[in-house]
PDB file of N, CA and C in Angstrom:
ATOM      1  N   MET A   1      35.378  10.368 -16.998  1.00  0.00           N
ATOM      2  CA  MET A   1      34.701   9.691 -17.984  1.00  0.00           C
ATOM      3  C   MET A   1      34.825   8.635 -17.004  1.00  0.00           C
ATOM      4  N   LEU A   2      35.715   7.994 -15.915  1.00  0.00           N
ATOM      5  CA  LEU A   2      35.096   6.524 -15.267  1.00  0.00           C
ATOM      6  C   LEU A   2      34.104   7.128 -14.221  1.00  0.00           C
ATOM      7  N   ALA A   3      33.543   8.415 -13.497  1.00  0.00           N
ATOM      8  CA  ALA A   3      32.550   8.323 -13.076  1.00  0.00           C
ATOM      9  C   ALA A   3      31.421   8.733 -13.591  1.00  0.00           C
ATOM     10  N   ALA A   4      31.288   8.906 -15.142  1.00  0.00           N
ATOM     11  CA  ALA A   4      30.310   8.990 -16.127  1.00  0.00           C
ATOM     12  C   ALA A   4      30.169   7.779 -16.298  1.00  0.00           C
ATOM     13  N   CYS A   5      30.639   6.743 -16.204  1.00  0.00           N
ATOM     14  CA  CYS A   5      30.660   4.781 -16.584  1.00  0.00           C
ATOM     15  C   CYS A   5      30.157   4.621 -15.688  1.00  0.00           C
ATOM     16  N   THR A   6      30.265   4.637 -14.203  1.00  0.00           N
ATOM     17  CA  THR A   6      29.839   4.110 -13.009  1.00  0.00           C
ATOM     18  C   THR A   6      28.131   4.621 -12.996  1.00  0.00           C
ATOM     19  N   LEU A   7      27.803   5.800 -13.160  1.00  0.00           N
ATOM     20  CA  LEU A   7      26.663   6.488 -12.900  1.00  0.00           C
ATOM     21  C   LEU A   7      26.132   5.522 -14.037  1.00  0.00           C
ATOM     22  N   THR A   8      25.963   5.490 -14.847  1.00  0.00           N
ATOM     23  CA  THR A   8      24.739   5.364 -15.960  1.00  0.00           C
ATOM     24  C   THR A   8      23.989   3.778 -15.347  1.00  0.00           C
ATOM     25  N   LEU A   9      22.845   4.143 -15.597  1.00  0.00           N
ATOM     26  CA  LEU A   9      21.765   2.312 -15.245  1.00  0.00           C
ATOM     27  C   LEU A   9      21.462   1.693 -15.923  1.00  0.00           C
ATOM     28  N   PRO A  10      21.548   0.529 -15.685  1.00  0.00           N
ATOM     29  CA  PRO A  10      21.624  -0.583 -16.276  1.00  0.00           C
ATOM     30  C   PRO A  10      20.589  -1.010 -17.660  1.00  0.00           C
ATOM     31  N   ALA A  11      21.108  -1.486 -18.750  1.00  0.00           N
ATOM     32  CA  ALA A  11      20.134  -1.780 -19.924  1.00  0.00           C
ATOM     33  C   ALA A  11      19.209  -2.232 -19.241  1.00  0.00           C
ATOM     34  N   GLN A  12      17.285  -1.520 -19.583  1.00  0.00           N
ATOM     35  CA  GLN A  12      16.485  -2.279 -19.806  1.00  0.00           C
ATOM     36  C   GLN A  12      15.963  -3.412 -21.163  1.00  0.00           C
ATOM     37  N   ALA A  13      15.603  -4.361 -20.644  1.00  0.00           N
ATOM     38  CA  ALA A  13      15.332  -5.505 -21.145  1.00  0.00           C
ATOM     39  C   ALA A  13      14.835  -5.301 -22.354  1.00  0.00           C
ATOM     40  N   GLY A  14      14.168  -5.402 -24.078  1.00  0.00           N
ATOM     41  CA  GLY A  14      13.772  -5.489 -24.732  1.00  0.00           C
ATOM     42  C   GLY A  14      12.134  -6.193 -24.640  1.00  0.00           C
ATOM     43  N   PRO A  15      11.373  -5.469 -25.246  1.00  0.00           N
ATOM     44  CA  PRO A  15      10.146  -6.006 -25.773  1.00  0.00           C
ATOM     45  C   PRO A  15      10.098  -7.190 -25.477  1.00  0.00           C
ATOM     46  N   LYS A  16       9.023  -7.869 -25.168  1.00  0.00           N
ATOM     47  CA  LYS A  16       9.007  -9.407 -25.294  1.00  0.00           C
ATOM     48  C   LYS A  16       8.739 -10.272 -26.677  1.00  0.00           C
ATOM     49  N   LEU A  17       8.623 -10.691 -26.980  1.00  0.00           N
ATOM     50  CA  LEU A  17       8.758 -12.252 -27.652  1.00  0.00           C
ATOM     51  C   LEU A  17       7.159 -12.180 -28.426  1.00  0.00           C
ATOM     52  N   ILE A  18       7.331 -11.778 -29.924  1.00  0.00           N
ATOM     53  CA  ILE A  18       5.735 -12.096 -29.990  1.00  0.00           C
ATOM     54  C   ILE A  18       5.058 -13.206 -31.148  1.00  0.00           C
ATOM     55  N   THR A  19       4.386 -14.165 -30.973  1.00  0.00           N
ATOM     56  CA  THR A  19       3.972 -15.355 -32.006  1.00  0.00           C
ATOM     57  C   THR A  19       4.615 -15.016 -33.086  1.00  0.00           C
ATOM     58  N   GLY A  20       4.230 -16.399 -34.229  1.00  0.00           N
ATOM     59  CA  GLY A  20       4.499 -16.254 -35.302  1.00  0.00           C
ATOM     60  C   GLY A  20       3.234 -15.259 -36.286  1.00  0.00           C
ATOM     61  N   THR A  21       1.897 -15.982 -35.179  1.00  0.00           N
ATOM     62  CA  THR A  21       1.279 -15.226 -35.717  1.00  0.00           C
ATOM     63  C   THR A  21       0.463 -13.723 -35.475  1.00  0.00           C
ATOM     64  N   GLU A  22       1.288 -13.021 -34.471  1.00  0.00           N
ATOM     65  CA  GLU A  22       1.366 -11.963 -34.742  1.00  0.00           C
ATOM     66  C   GLU A  22       2.616 -10.806 -35.172  1.00  0.00           C
ATOM     67  N   GLN A  23       3.544 -11.905 -35.323  1.00  0.00           N
ATOM     68  CA  GLN A  23       3.932 -11.166 -36.490  1.00  0.00           C
ATOM     69  C   GLN A  23       4.051 -11.736 -37.882  1.00  0.00           C
ATOM     70  N   TRP A  24       3.450 -12.638 -38.400  1.00  0.00           N
ATOM     71  CA  TRP A  24       1.992 -12.816 -39.838  1.00  0.00           C
ATOM     72  C   TRP A  24       1.000 -11.563 -39.915  1.00  0.00           C
ATOM     73  N   GLU A  25       0.481 -10.947 -38.433  1.00  0.00           N
ATOM     74  CA  GLU A  25      -0.118  -9.825 -38.905  1.00  0.00           C
ATOM     75  C   GLU A  25       0.230  -9.017 -38.923  1.00  0.00           C
ATOM     76  N   ASN A  26       1.223  -8.275 -38.563  1.00  0.00           N
ATOM     77  CA  ASN A  26       2.127  -7.159 -38.642  1.00  0.00           C
ATOM     78  C   ASN A  26       3.083  -7.412 -39.646  1.00  0.00           C
ATOM     79  N   VAL A  27       3.320  -8.249 -40.735  1.00  0.00           N
ATOM     80  CA  VAL A  27       3.822  -8.222 -42.080  1.00  0.00           C
ATOM     81  C   VAL A  27       2.618  -8.151 -42.942  1.00  0.00           C
ATOM     82  N   ASN A  28       1.728  -8.574 -42.905  1.00  0.00           N
ATOM     83  CA  ASN A  28       0.493  -8.825 -43.541  1.00  0.00           C
ATOM     84  C   ASN A  28       0.120  -7.185 -43.851  1.00  0.00           C
ATOM     85  N   TYR A  29      -0.238  -6.370 -42.278  1.00  0.00           N
ATOM     86  CA  TYR A  29      -0.160  -5.414 -42.407  1.00  0.00           C
ATOM     87  C   TYR A  29       0.338  -3.929 -43.244  1.00  0.00           C
ATOM     88  N   LEU A  30       1.973  -4.060 -42.951  1.00  0.00           N
ATOM     89  CA  LEU A  30       2.368  -3.664 -43.873  1.00  0.00           C
ATOM     90  C   LEU A  30       3.121  -3.523 -45.287  1.00  0.00           C
ATOM     91  N   LEU A  31       2.799  -5.143 -45.492  1.00  0.00           N
ATOM     92  CA  LEU A  31       2.146  -5.307 -46.878  1.00  0.00           C
ATOM     93  C   LEU A  31       0.788  -4.963 -47.883  1.00  0.00           C
ATOM     94  N   THR A  32       0.133  -4.473 -46.775  1.00  0.00           N
ATOM     95  CA  THR A  32      -1.218  -4.642 -48.207  1.00  0.00           C
ATOM     96  C   THR A  32      -1.910  -3.143 -47.352  1.00  0.00           C
ATOM     97  N   GLU A  33      -1.550  -2.207 -45.930  1.00  0.00           N
ATOM     98  CA  GLU A  33      -2.512  -1.523 -45.933  1.00  0.00           C
ATOM     99  C   GLU A  33      -1.266   0.421 -46.096  1.00  0.00           C
ATOM    100  N   ILE A  34       0.107  -0.485 -46.608  1.00  0.00           N
ATOM    101  CA  ILE A  34       1.192   1.224 -46.522  1.00  0.00           C
ATOM    102  C   ILE A  34       1.032   0.822 -48.496  1.00  0.00           C
ATOM    103  N   PRO A  35       1.167   1.834 -49.331  1.00  0.00           N
ATOM    104  CA  PRO A  35       1.432   2.054 -50.676  1.00  0.00           C
ATOM    105  C   PRO A  35       2.937   2.178 -50.392  1.00  0.00           C
ATOM    106  N   TRP A  36       3.155   0.630 -51.372  1.00  0.00           N
ATOM    107  CA  TRP A  36       4.593   0.412 -51.623  1.00  0.00           C
ATOM    108  C   TRP A  36       4.963   0.661 -53.352  1.00  0.00           C
ATOM    109  N   TYR A  37       5.743   1.812 -53.351  1.00  0.00           N
ATOM    110  CA  TYR A  37       6.841   1.745 -54.538  1.00  0.00           C
ATOM    111  C   TYR A  37       7.909   0.704 -55.080  1.00  0.00           C
ATOM    112  N   GLN A  38       7.925   1.148 -56.650  1.00  0.00           N
ATOM    113  CA  GLN A  38       9.214  -0.030 -57.184  1.00  0.00           C
ATOM    114  C   GLN A  38      10.478   1.602 -57.201  1.00  0.00           C
ATOM    115  N   SER A  39      10.335   2.602 -57.337  1.00  0.00           N
ATOM    116  CA  SER A  39      11.646   3.015 -57.320  1.00  0.00           C
ATOM    117  C   SER A  39      11.144   4.259 -56.400  1.00  0.00           C
ATOM    118  N   LEU A  40      12.173   5.386 -56.041  1.00  0.00           N
ATOM    119  CA  LEU A  40      12.130   6.395 -55.431  1.00  0.00           C
ATOM    120  C   LEU A  40      11.784   7.514 -55.949  1.00  0.00           C
ATOM    121  N   SER A  41      12.360   7.297 -57.074  1.00  0.00           N
ATOM    122  CA  SER A  41      11.145   8.565 -57.922  1.00  0.00           C
ATOM    123  C   SER A  41       9.940   8.022 -57.578  1.00  0.00           C
ATOM    124  N   GLN A  42       8.804   6.928 -58.221  1.00  0.00           N
ATOM    125  CA  GLN A  42       7.894   7.287 -58.241  1.00  0.00           C
ATOM    126  C   GLN A  42       7.462   7.365 -56.720  1.00  0.00           C
ATOM    127  N   ALA A  43       8.140   7.317 -55.587  1.00  0.00           N
ATOM    128  CA  ALA A  43       7.456   7.473 -54.508  1.00  0.00           C
ATOM    129  C   ALA A  43       6.843   8.621 -54.182  1.00  0.00           C
ATOM    130  N   GLN A  44       8.680   9.485 -53.881  1.00  0.00           N
ATOM    131  CA  GLN A  44       8.949  11.247 -54.406  1.00  0.00           C
ATOM    132  C   GLN A  44       7.494  11.708 -54.861  1.00  0.00           C
ATOM    133  N   GLU A  45       7.361  11.326 -56.043  1.00  0.00           N
ATOM    134  CA  GLU A  45       6.296  12.096 -56.609  1.00  0.00           C
ATOM    135  C   GLU A  45       4.701  11.965 -56.795  1.00  0.00           C
ATOM    136  N   ALA A  46       4.386  10.880 -55.814  1.00  0.00           N
ATOM    137  CA  ALA A  46       3.118  10.784 -54.897  1.00  0.00           C
ATOM    138  C   ALA A  46       3.042  12.053 -53.902  1.00  0.00           C
ATOM    139  N   ALA A  47       4.474  11.401 -53.124  1.00  0.00           N
ATOM    140  CA  ALA A  47       4.517  12.414 -51.934  1.00  0.00           C
ATOM    141  C   ALA A  47       3.956  13.796 -51.925  1.00  0.00           C
ATOM    142  N   ARG A  48       4.768  14.104 -52.826  1.00  0.00           N
ATOM    143  CA  ARG A  48       4.225  16.404 -53.593  1.00  0.00           C
ATOM    144  C   ARG A  48       2.914  16.012 -54.030  1.00  0.00           C
ATOM    145  N   GLN A  49       2.916  15.320 -54.270  1.00  0.00           N
ATOM    146  CA  GLN A  49       1.281  15.529 -55.237  1.00  0.00           C
ATOM    147  C   GLN A  49       0.359  15.469 -53.468  1.00  0.00           C
ATOM    148  N   LYS A  50       0.766  14.275 -52.566  1.00  0.00           N
ATOM    149  CA  LYS A  50      -0.356  14.554 -51.035  1.00  0.00           C
ATOM    150  C   LYS A  50       0.081  15.637 -50.064  1.00  0.00           C
ATOM    151  N   GLY A  51       1.608  16.126 -50.049  1.00  0.00           N
ATOM    152  CA  GLY A  51       2.122  17.122 -49.687  1.00  0.00           C
ATOM    153  C   GLY A  51       2.347  16.540 -48.233  1.00  0.00           C
ATOM    154  N   LYS A  52       3.260  15.176 -48.712  1.00  0.00           N
ATOM    155  CA  LYS A  52       3.759  14.037 -47.408  1.00  0.00           C
ATOM    156  C   LYS A  52       5.003  13.386 -47.260  1.00  0.00           C
ATOM    157  N   MET A  53       5.889  13.228 -46.590  1.00  0.00           N
ATOM    158  CA  MET A  53       7.491  13.187 -46.907  1.00  0.00           C
ATOM    159  C   MET A  53       7.519  11.057 -47.131  1.00  0.00           C
ATOM    160  N   VAL A  54       8.528  11.028 -47.758  1.00  0.00           N
ATOM    161  CA  VAL A  54       8.651   9.828 -47.953  1.00  0.00           C
ATOM    162  C   VAL A  54       9.478   8.789 -46.827  1.00  0.00           C
ATOM    163  N   PHE A  55       8.568   7.606 -46.744  1.00  0.00           N
ATOM    164  CA  PHE A  55       9.904   6.858 -45.497  1.00  0.00           C
ATOM    165  C   PHE A  55      10.610   5.838 -46.948  1.00  0.00           C
ATOM    166  N   TYR A  56      11.429   5.953 -46.912  1.00  0.00           N
ATOM    167  CA  TYR A  56      12.967   5.078 -47.355  1.00  0.00           C
ATOM    168  C   TYR A  56      13.283   3.690 -46.611  1.00  0.00           C
ATOM    169  N   MET A  57      12.593   2.617 -47.041  1.00  0.00           N
ATOM    170  CA  MET A  57      13.964   1.568 -46.618  1.00  0.00           C
ATOM    171  C   MET A  57      13.813   0.358 -46.952  1.00  0.00           C
ATOM    172  N   HIS A  58      15.514  -0.078 -47.138  1.00  0.00           N
ATOM    173  CA  HIS A  58      16.260  -0.821 -48.014  1.00  0.00           C
ATOM    174  C   HIS A  58      16.383  -1.741 -47.443  1.00  0.00           C
ATOM    175  N   ILE A  59      16.117  -2.966 -47.842  1.00  0.00           N
ATOM    176  CA  ILE A  59      16.282  -4.225 -47.314  1.00  0.00           C
ATOM    177  C   ILE A  59      16.617  -5.390 -48.163  1.00  0.00           C
ATOM    178  N   LEU A  60      17.639  -6.467 -47.394  1.00  0.00           N
ATOM    179  CA  LEU A  60      17.614  -7.484 -48.303  1.00  0.00           C
ATOM    180  C   LEU A  60      16.839  -8.754 -47.993  1.00  0.00           C
ATOM    181  N   GLY A  61      15.835  -9.307 -49.042  1.00  0.00           N
ATOM    182  CA  GLY A  61      14.979  -9.776 -49.422  1.00  0.00           C
ATOM    183  C   GLY A  61      13.626  -9.724 -49.015  1.00  0.00           C
ATOM    184  N   LYS A  62      13.079 -10.429 -48.676  1.00  0.00           N
ATOM    185  CA  LYS A  62      11.672 -10.150 -48.472  1.00  0.00           C
ATOM    186  C   LYS A  62      11.138  -9.907 -47.061  1.00  0.00           C
ATOM    187  N   LEU A  63       9.842  -8.739 -47.192  1.00  0.00           N
ATOM    188  CA  LEU A  63       9.751  -8.335 -45.860  1.00  0.00           C
ATOM    189  C   LEU A  63       8.913  -9.737 -45.384  1.00  0.00           C
ATOM    190  N   ASN A  64       8.512 -10.916 -46.009  1.00  0.00           N
ATOM    191  CA  ASN A  64       7.051 -11.537 -45.746  1.00  0.00           C
ATOM    192  C   ASN A  64       7.878 -13.113 -45.103  1.00  0.00           C
ATOM    193  N   GLY A  65       9.338 -12.610 -45.342  1.00  0.00           N
ATOM    194  CA  GLY A  65      10.026 -13.818 -45.433  1.00  0.00           C
ATOM    195  C   GLY A  65      10.458 -14.819 -46.159  1.00  0.00           C
ATOM    196  N   ALA A  66       9.832 -14.735 -47.369  1.00  0.00           N
ATOM    197  CA  ALA A  66      10.449 -15.564 -47.838  1.00  0.00           C
ATOM    198  C   ALA A  66      11.321 -15.318 -48.719  1.00  0.00           C
ATOM    199  N   THR A  67      12.737 -15.501 -48.341  1.00  0.00           N
ATOM    200  CA  THR A  67      13.969 -14.711 -49.246  1.00  0.00           C
ATOM    201  C   THR A  67      13.957 -15.874 -50.097  1.00  0.00           C
TER     202      THR A  67
END
């Protein structure tokens, strides 16, 4: 156990911070280019019809930051 701890590599730094404009563009893309559904059952039915999977995301607040 001790040997495993001493042989691990140091953690790498995370990605650089992005500007507010870049963040706004990312959020805008999520809100306008991806179809969102009000219920999981609606998303499941649409996915079933298209032969696709459902991406489920549960958040507190709003993606655009207006919580």
